[in-house]
Amino acid sequence: MGEVVRLPRRPGSEPWLSKRQLAAYFGFSTRWVELRMREGMPSEFIGGRRRFRVTECEEWLLKGRSA
């Protein structure tokens, strides 16, 4: 079997996370993410699936969910 080699990310690039990945990052359930989405937490549809950027979500949470 081959070895997985991680390539460095371009400066300023950030991965898009799934709902499950975002929930794991914050340490909450996917239901918690769904409730925050209803409150306006930023996300995008990419390839027919909802995706999130951690920095945008953290900023939104810190601003009191007003964004």
C-alpha atoms as a PDB file:
ATOM      1  CA  MET A   1       0.000   0.000   0.000  1.00  0.00           C
ATOM      2  CA  GLY A   2       1.054   3.553  -0.650  1.00  0.00           C
ATOM      3  CA  GLU A   3       1.615   6.331   1.825  1.00  0.00           C
ATOM      4  CA  VAL A   4      -0.689   9.346   2.056  1.00  0.00           C
ATOM      5  CA  VAL A   5       1.240  12.550   1.609  1.00  0.00           C
ATOM      6  CA  ARG A   6      -0.483  15.728   2.719  1.00  0.00           C
ATOM      7  CA  LEU A   7       0.258  18.639   0.434  1.00  0.00           C
ATOM      8  CA  PRO A   8       0.535  22.089   1.988  1.00  0.00           C
ATOM      9  CA  ARG A   9      -2.533  24.270   1.639  1.00  0.00           C
ATOM     10  CA  ARG A  10      -2.390  27.477  -0.262  1.00  0.00           C
ATOM     11  CA  PRO A  11      -2.257  30.500   2.028  1.00  0.00           C
ATOM     12  CA  GLY A  12      -5.769  31.734   2.705  1.00  0.00           C
ATOM     13  CA  SER A  13      -7.473  28.490   1.726  1.00  0.00           C
ATOM     14  CA  GLU A  14      -9.813  26.802   4.146  1.00  0.00           C
ATOM     15  CA  PRO A  15     -11.593  23.489   3.704  1.00  0.00           C
ATOM     16  CA  TRP A  16     -15.370  23.255   3.472  1.00  0.00           C
ATOM     17  CA  LEU A  17     -16.770  21.018   6.216  1.00  0.00           C
ATOM     18  CA  SER A  18     -19.890  18.888   6.259  1.00  0.00           C
ATOM     19  CA  LYS A  19     -22.510  19.277   8.972  1.00  0.00           C
ATOM     20  CA  ARG A  20     -21.081  16.243  10.768  1.00  0.00           C
ATOM     21  CA  GLN A  21     -17.523  17.565  10.594  1.00  0.00           C
ATOM     22  CA  LEU A  22     -18.585  20.980  11.868  1.00  0.00           C
ATOM     23  CA  ALA A  23     -20.506  19.392  14.746  1.00  0.00           C
ATOM     24  CA  ALA A  24     -17.422  17.369  15.698  1.00  0.00           C
ATOM     25  CA  TYR A  25     -15.243  20.480  15.505  1.00  0.00           C
ATOM     26  CA  PHE A  26     -17.474  22.370  17.947  1.00  0.00           C
ATOM     27  CA  GLY A  27     -18.145  19.285  20.081  1.00  0.00           C
ATOM     28  CA  PHE A  28     -21.907  19.342  19.578  1.00  0.00           C
ATOM     29  CA  SER A  29     -24.460  17.232  17.746  1.00  0.00           C
ATOM     30  CA  THR A  30     -25.538  17.647  14.143  1.00  0.00           C
ATOM     31  CA  ARG A  31     -28.911  18.781  15.551  1.00  0.00           C
ATOM     32  CA  TRP A  32     -27.111  21.707  17.203  1.00  0.00           C
ATOM     33  CA  VAL A  33     -25.690  22.655  13.789  1.00  0.00           C
ATOM     34  CA  GLU A  34     -29.173  22.407  12.235  1.00  0.00           C
ATOM     35  CA  LEU A  35     -30.592  24.733  14.898  1.00  0.00           C
ATOM     36  CA  ARG A  36     -27.788  27.262  14.320  1.00  0.00           C
ATOM     37  CA  MET A  37     -28.480  27.064  10.570  1.00  0.00           C
ATOM     38  CA  ARG A  38     -32.091  28.097  11.253  1.00  0.00           C
ATOM     39  CA  GLU A  39     -30.710  31.079  13.172  1.00  0.00           C
ATOM     40  CA  GLY A  40     -28.640  32.104  10.158  1.00  0.00           C
ATOM     41  CA  MET A  41     -25.247  30.472  10.617  1.00  0.00           C
ATOM     42  CA  PRO A  42     -23.378  30.927   7.312  1.00  0.00           C
ATOM     43  CA  SER A  43     -23.144  28.017   4.900  1.00  0.00           C
ATOM     44  CA  GLU A  44     -23.098  27.315   1.174  1.00  0.00           C
ATOM     45  CA  PHE A  45     -24.440  24.655  -1.130  1.00  0.00           C
ATOM     46  CA  ILE A  46     -21.544  23.026  -2.967  1.00  0.00           C
ATOM     47  CA  GLY A  47     -22.267  20.124  -5.266  1.00  0.00           C
ATOM     48  CA  GLY A  48     -25.786  19.849  -3.878  1.00  0.00           C
ATOM     49  CA  ARG A  49     -24.568  19.526  -0.286  1.00  0.00           C
ATOM     50  CA  ARG A  50     -24.445  22.101   2.482  1.00  0.00           C
ATOM     51  CA  ARG A  51     -20.909  23.025   3.540  1.00  0.00           C
ATOM     52  CA  PHE A  52     -19.445  25.278   6.220  1.00  0.00           C
ATOM     53  CA  ARG A  53     -16.243  27.204   6.839  1.00  0.00           C
ATOM     54  CA  VAL A  54     -15.116  27.121  10.459  1.00  0.00           C
ATOM     55  CA  THR A  55     -13.854  30.707  10.519  1.00  0.00           C
ATOM     56  CA  GLU A  56     -17.166  32.070   9.196  1.00  0.00           C
ATOM     57  CA  CYS A  57     -19.169  30.036  11.706  1.00  0.00           C
ATOM     58  CA  GLU A  58     -16.939  30.998  14.637  1.00  0.00           C
ATOM     59  CA  GLU A  59     -17.179  34.673  13.689  1.00  0.00           C
ATOM     60  CA  TRP A  60     -20.972  34.406  13.421  1.00  0.00           C
ATOM     61  CA  LEU A  61     -21.212  32.721  16.831  1.00  0.00           C
ATOM     62  CA  LEU A  62     -18.963  35.325  18.471  1.00  0.00           C
ATOM     63  CA  LYS A  63     -21.016  38.191  17.021  1.00  0.00           C
ATOM     64  CA  GLY A  64     -24.075  36.893  18.797  1.00  0.00           C
ATOM     65  CA  ARG A  65     -25.649  35.239  15.761  1.00  0.00           C
ATOM     66  CA  SER A  66     -26.586  38.585  14.320  1.00  0.00           C
ATOM     67  CA  ALA A  67     -24.907  38.128  10.941  1.00  0.00           C
END
